[in-house]
Amino acid sequence: MSTNSHSFDSTERSASEQITDVVASWPGVTTGHGNRGERWFRMGRREIGHLHGDAAAHFGFPRHVWVALYKQGRIEPHPIFVDLVGPAARRIEAASDIQAVIDLLRLNYERLTTLAGGRSIVAPTSSPSFGG
């Protein structure tokens, strides 16, 4: 059951567990917990995003990707970095948001996989790429 007031089906795993199950299964992805309690997902040293419990997901996107996703209504500005283009957030308020978060994480995963160009990526570090 969800650890917050969101109304997910109690017979299902929590939103964060469902997202983690999918994202952690992608080749090369590692997961862990940051110093603010967030669960991060990384490809090597690069974070593809992180979860704050079952309430929100945060990501970092290149400017052109951020602008397109924002115009599509798929993300909103990061609550700490509200004036920056790049850091982004997606609230998890309904079951449909779970797949939306997975899709956004997959977008970053595929972008980083393409950047790696088949090269081996160095093991992850213990600090998140940005706070919040």
C-alpha atoms as a PDB file:
ATOM      1  CA  MET A   1       0.000   0.000   0.000  1.00  0.00           C
ATOM      2  CA  SER A   2       1.122   3.553  -0.654  1.00  0.00           C
ATOM      3  CA  THR A   3       2.887   5.348   2.179  1.00  0.00           C
ATOM      4  CA  ASN A   4       1.009   8.586   1.586  1.00  0.00           C
ATOM      5  CA  SER A   5      -2.556   9.737   1.027  1.00  0.00           C
ATOM      6  CA  HIS A   6      -2.650   8.866  -2.674  1.00  0.00           C
ATOM      7  CA  SER A   7      -5.366   6.421  -3.650  1.00  0.00           C
ATOM      8  CA  PHE A   8      -3.584   3.496  -5.291  1.00  0.00           C
ATOM      9  CA  ASP A   9      -5.172   0.060  -5.197  1.00  0.00           C
ATOM     10  CA  SER A  10      -4.055  -1.509  -1.905  1.00  0.00           C
ATOM     11  CA  THR A  11      -3.663  -4.927  -3.594  1.00  0.00           C
ATOM     12  CA  GLU A  12      -0.914  -3.484  -5.791  1.00  0.00           C
ATOM     13  CA  ARG A  13       2.620  -2.569  -4.878  1.00  0.00           C
ATOM     14  CA  SER A  14       3.202   1.106  -4.077  1.00  0.00           C
ATOM     15  CA  ALA A  15       3.889   3.561  -6.892  1.00  0.00           C
ATOM     16  CA  SER A  16       7.581   3.768  -6.004  1.00  0.00           C
ATOM     17  CA  GLU A  17       7.862  -0.044  -5.851  1.00  0.00           C
ATOM     18  CA  GLN A  18       6.182  -0.426  -9.251  1.00  0.00           C
ATOM     19  CA  ILE A  19       8.436   2.206 -10.816  1.00  0.00           C
ATOM     20  CA  THR A  20      11.542   0.712  -9.200  1.00  0.00           C
ATOM     21  CA  ASP A  21      10.637  -2.800 -10.391  1.00  0.00           C
ATOM     22  CA  VAL A  22      10.532  -1.617 -14.001  1.00  0.00           C
ATOM     23  CA  VAL A  23      13.432   0.849 -14.056  1.00  0.00           C
ATOM     24  CA  ALA A  24      15.846  -1.360 -12.093  1.00  0.00           C
ATOM     25  CA  SER A  25      15.308  -4.112 -14.684  1.00  0.00           C
ATOM     26  CA  TRP A  26      16.847  -2.030 -17.490  1.00  0.00           C
ATOM     27  CA  PRO A  27      20.416  -3.065 -18.390  1.00  0.00           C
ATOM     28  CA  GLY A  28      23.027  -0.894 -16.695  1.00  0.00           C
ATOM     29  CA  VAL A  29      20.657   0.833 -14.259  1.00  0.00           C
ATOM     30  CA  THR A  30      21.586   0.959 -10.593  1.00  0.00           C
ATOM     31  CA  THR A  31      19.438   2.242  -7.779  1.00  0.00           C
ATOM     32  CA  GLY A  32      20.044   3.509  -4.279  1.00  0.00           C
ATOM     33  CA  HIS A  33      18.999   6.037  -1.676  1.00  0.00           C
ATOM     34  CA  GLY A  34      20.249   9.608  -1.424  1.00  0.00           C
ATOM     35  CA  ASN A  35      20.852  11.693   1.663  1.00  0.00           C
ATOM     36  CA  ARG A  36      17.376  13.265   1.418  1.00  0.00           C
ATOM     37  CA  GLY A  37      15.619   9.906   1.423  1.00  0.00           C
ATOM     38  CA  GLU A  38      15.096   9.854  -2.333  1.00  0.00           C
ATOM     39  CA  ARG A  39      15.523   6.693  -4.402  1.00  0.00           C
ATOM     40  CA  TRP A  40      17.790   7.423  -7.352  1.00  0.00           C
ATOM     41  CA  PHE A  41      18.259   5.616 -10.647  1.00  0.00           C
ATOM     42  CA  ARG A  42      21.562   5.879 -12.499  1.00  0.00           C
ATOM     43  CA  MET A  43      23.397   4.814 -15.607  1.00  0.00           C
ATOM     44  CA  GLY A  44      26.973   4.831 -14.410  1.00  0.00           C
ATOM     45  CA  ARG A  45      27.572   8.171 -12.711  1.00  0.00           C
ATOM     46  CA  ARG A  46      24.651   9.876 -14.452  1.00  0.00           C
ATOM     47  CA  GLU A  47      21.309  10.062 -12.710  1.00  0.00           C
ATOM     48  CA  ILE A  48      18.283   9.414 -14.907  1.00  0.00           C
ATOM     49  CA  GLY A  49      15.928  10.603 -12.157  1.00  0.00           C
ATOM     50  CA  HIS A  50      14.831   9.997  -8.602  1.00  0.00           C
ATOM     51  CA  LEU A  51      11.672   9.393  -6.585  1.00  0.00           C
ATOM     52  CA  HIS A  52      10.479  11.069  -3.422  1.00  0.00           C
ATOM     53  CA  GLY A  53       8.422   8.222  -2.010  1.00  0.00           C
ATOM     54  CA  ASP A  54       5.151   7.756  -3.830  1.00  0.00           C
ATOM     55  CA  ALA A  55       4.564  11.498  -4.255  1.00  0.00           C
ATOM     56  CA  ALA A  56       6.895  12.810  -6.968  1.00  0.00           C
ATOM     57  CA  ALA A  57       9.685  12.095  -9.405  1.00  0.00           C
ATOM     58  CA  HIS A  58      12.465  14.506 -10.341  1.00  0.00           C
ATOM     59  CA  PHE A  59      14.559  14.518 -13.491  1.00  0.00           C
ATOM     60  CA  GLY A  60      17.146  16.570 -15.338  1.00  0.00           C
ATOM     61  CA  PHE A  61      16.664  17.137 -19.072  1.00  0.00           C
ATOM     62  CA  PRO A  62      18.548  19.118 -21.721  1.00  0.00           C
ATOM     63  CA  ARG A  63      16.899  22.477 -22.458  1.00  0.00           C
ATOM     64  CA  HIS A  64      15.236  21.447 -25.743  1.00  0.00           C
ATOM     65  CA  VAL A  65      13.810  18.256 -24.215  1.00  0.00           C
ATOM     66  CA  TRP A  66      12.591  20.086 -21.080  1.00  0.00           C
ATOM     67  CA  VAL A  67      10.806  22.731 -23.173  1.00  0.00           C
ATOM     68  CA  ALA A  68       9.057  20.105 -25.323  1.00  0.00           C
ATOM     69  CA  LEU A  69       7.979  18.035 -22.295  1.00  0.00           C
ATOM     70  CA  TYR A  70       6.742  21.147 -20.467  1.00  0.00           C
ATOM     71  CA  LYS A  71       4.703  22.291 -23.492  1.00  0.00           C
ATOM     72  CA  GLN A  72       3.177  18.785 -23.659  1.00  0.00           C
ATOM     73  CA  GLY A  73       2.189  19.018 -19.981  1.00  0.00           C
ATOM     74  CA  ARG A  74       4.294  15.968 -19.067  1.00  0.00           C
ATOM     75  CA  ILE A  75       6.508  17.776 -16.532  1.00  0.00           C
ATOM     76  CA  GLU A  76       6.486  20.857 -14.361  1.00  0.00           C
ATOM     77  CA  PRO A  77       9.366  22.934 -13.019  1.00  0.00           C
ATOM     78  CA  HIS A  78      11.362  21.361 -10.196  1.00  0.00           C
ATOM     79  CA  PRO A  79      10.008  22.748  -6.889  1.00  0.00           C
ATOM     80  CA  ILE A  80      13.452  23.895  -5.711  1.00  0.00           C
ATOM     81  CA  PHE A  81      14.814  25.096  -9.067  1.00  0.00           C
ATOM     82  CA  VAL A  82      11.637  26.780 -10.321  1.00  0.00           C
ATOM     83  CA  ASP A  83      13.444  29.328 -12.500  1.00  0.00           C
ATOM     84  CA  LEU A  84      15.712  26.840 -14.252  1.00  0.00           C
ATOM     85  CA  VAL A  85      15.079  24.998 -17.487  1.00  0.00           C
ATOM     86  CA  GLY A  86      16.423  21.456 -17.048  1.00  0.00           C
ATOM     87  CA  PRO A  87      15.432  20.262 -13.576  1.00  0.00           C
ATOM     88  CA  ALA A  88      11.888  18.892 -13.785  1.00  0.00           C
ATOM     89  CA  ALA A  89       9.216  17.226 -11.666  1.00  0.00           C
ATOM     90  CA  ARG A  90       6.246  14.963 -12.175  1.00  0.00           C
ATOM     91  CA  ARG A  91       3.741  14.433  -9.385  1.00  0.00           C
ATOM     92  CA  ILE A  92       2.414  10.951  -8.716  1.00  0.00           C
ATOM     93  CA  GLU A  93      -1.251  11.454  -7.909  1.00  0.00           C
ATOM     94  CA  ALA A  94      -2.974   8.661  -9.833  1.00  0.00           C
ATOM     95  CA  ALA A  95      -2.180   5.236 -11.209  1.00  0.00           C
ATOM     96  CA  SER A  96      -1.695   6.759 -14.693  1.00  0.00           C
ATOM     97  CA  ASP A  97       1.179   8.861 -13.337  1.00  0.00           C
ATOM     98  CA  ILE A  98       3.164   5.691 -12.617  1.00  0.00           C
ATOM     99  CA  GLN A  99       3.509   4.893 -16.319  1.00  0.00           C
ATOM    100  CA  ALA A 100       4.142   8.568 -17.100  1.00  0.00           C
ATOM    101  CA  VAL A 101       7.089   8.594 -14.662  1.00  0.00           C
ATOM    102  CA  ILE A 102       8.428   5.338 -16.125  1.00  0.00           C
ATOM    103  CA  ASP A 103       8.200   6.868 -19.613  1.00  0.00           C
ATOM    104  CA  LEU A 104      10.139   9.967 -18.503  1.00  0.00           C
ATOM    105  CA  LEU A 105      12.817   7.850 -16.845  1.00  0.00           C
ATOM    106  CA  ARG A 106      13.012   5.733 -20.016  1.00  0.00           C
ATOM    107  CA  LEU A 107      13.501   8.886 -22.073  1.00  0.00           C
ATOM    108  CA  ASN A 108      16.573   9.780 -19.994  1.00  0.00           C
ATOM    109  CA  TYR A 109      17.758   6.167 -20.011  1.00  0.00           C
ATOM    110  CA  GLU A 110      17.632   5.992 -23.804  1.00  0.00           C
ATOM    111  CA  ARG A 111      19.317   9.387 -24.107  1.00  0.00           C
ATOM    112  CA  LEU A 112      22.181   8.270 -21.847  1.00  0.00           C
ATOM    113  CA  THR A 113      22.449   4.889 -23.560  1.00  0.00           C
ATOM    114  CA  THR A 114      22.834   6.699 -26.885  1.00  0.00           C
ATOM    115  CA  LEU A 115      25.438   9.056 -25.394  1.00  0.00           C
ATOM    116  CA  ALA A 116      27.400   6.095 -24.058  1.00  0.00           C
ATOM    117  CA  GLY A 117      27.520   4.649 -27.571  1.00  0.00           C
ATOM    118  CA  GLY A 118      28.131   1.159 -26.283  1.00  0.00           C
ATOM    119  CA  ARG A 119      31.025   2.209 -24.021  1.00  0.00           C
ATOM    120  CA  SER A 120      31.232   0.880 -20.499  1.00  0.00           C
ATOM    121  CA  ILE A 121      29.987   3.452 -17.994  1.00  0.00           C
ATOM    122  CA  VAL A 122      31.850   4.000 -14.723  1.00  0.00           C
ATOM    123  CA  ALA A 123      30.238   2.758 -11.486  1.00  0.00           C
ATOM    124  CA  PRO A 124      27.844   5.165  -9.704  1.00  0.00           C
ATOM    125  CA  THR A 125      28.825   7.605  -7.008  1.00  0.00           C
ATOM    126  CA  SER A 126      26.882   8.124  -3.790  1.00  0.00           C
ATOM    127  CA  SER A 127      25.636  11.692  -4.334  1.00  0.00           C
ATOM    128  CA  PRO A 128      22.652  12.682  -6.483  1.00  0.00           C
ATOM    129  CA  SER A 129      23.227  14.863  -9.558  1.00  0.00           C
ATOM    130  CA  PHE A 130      21.094  17.639  -8.107  1.00  0.00           C
ATOM    131  CA  GLY A 131      19.250  18.059  -4.842  1.00  0.00           C
ATOM    132  CA  GLY A 132      15.576  18.230  -4.094  1.00  0.00           C
END
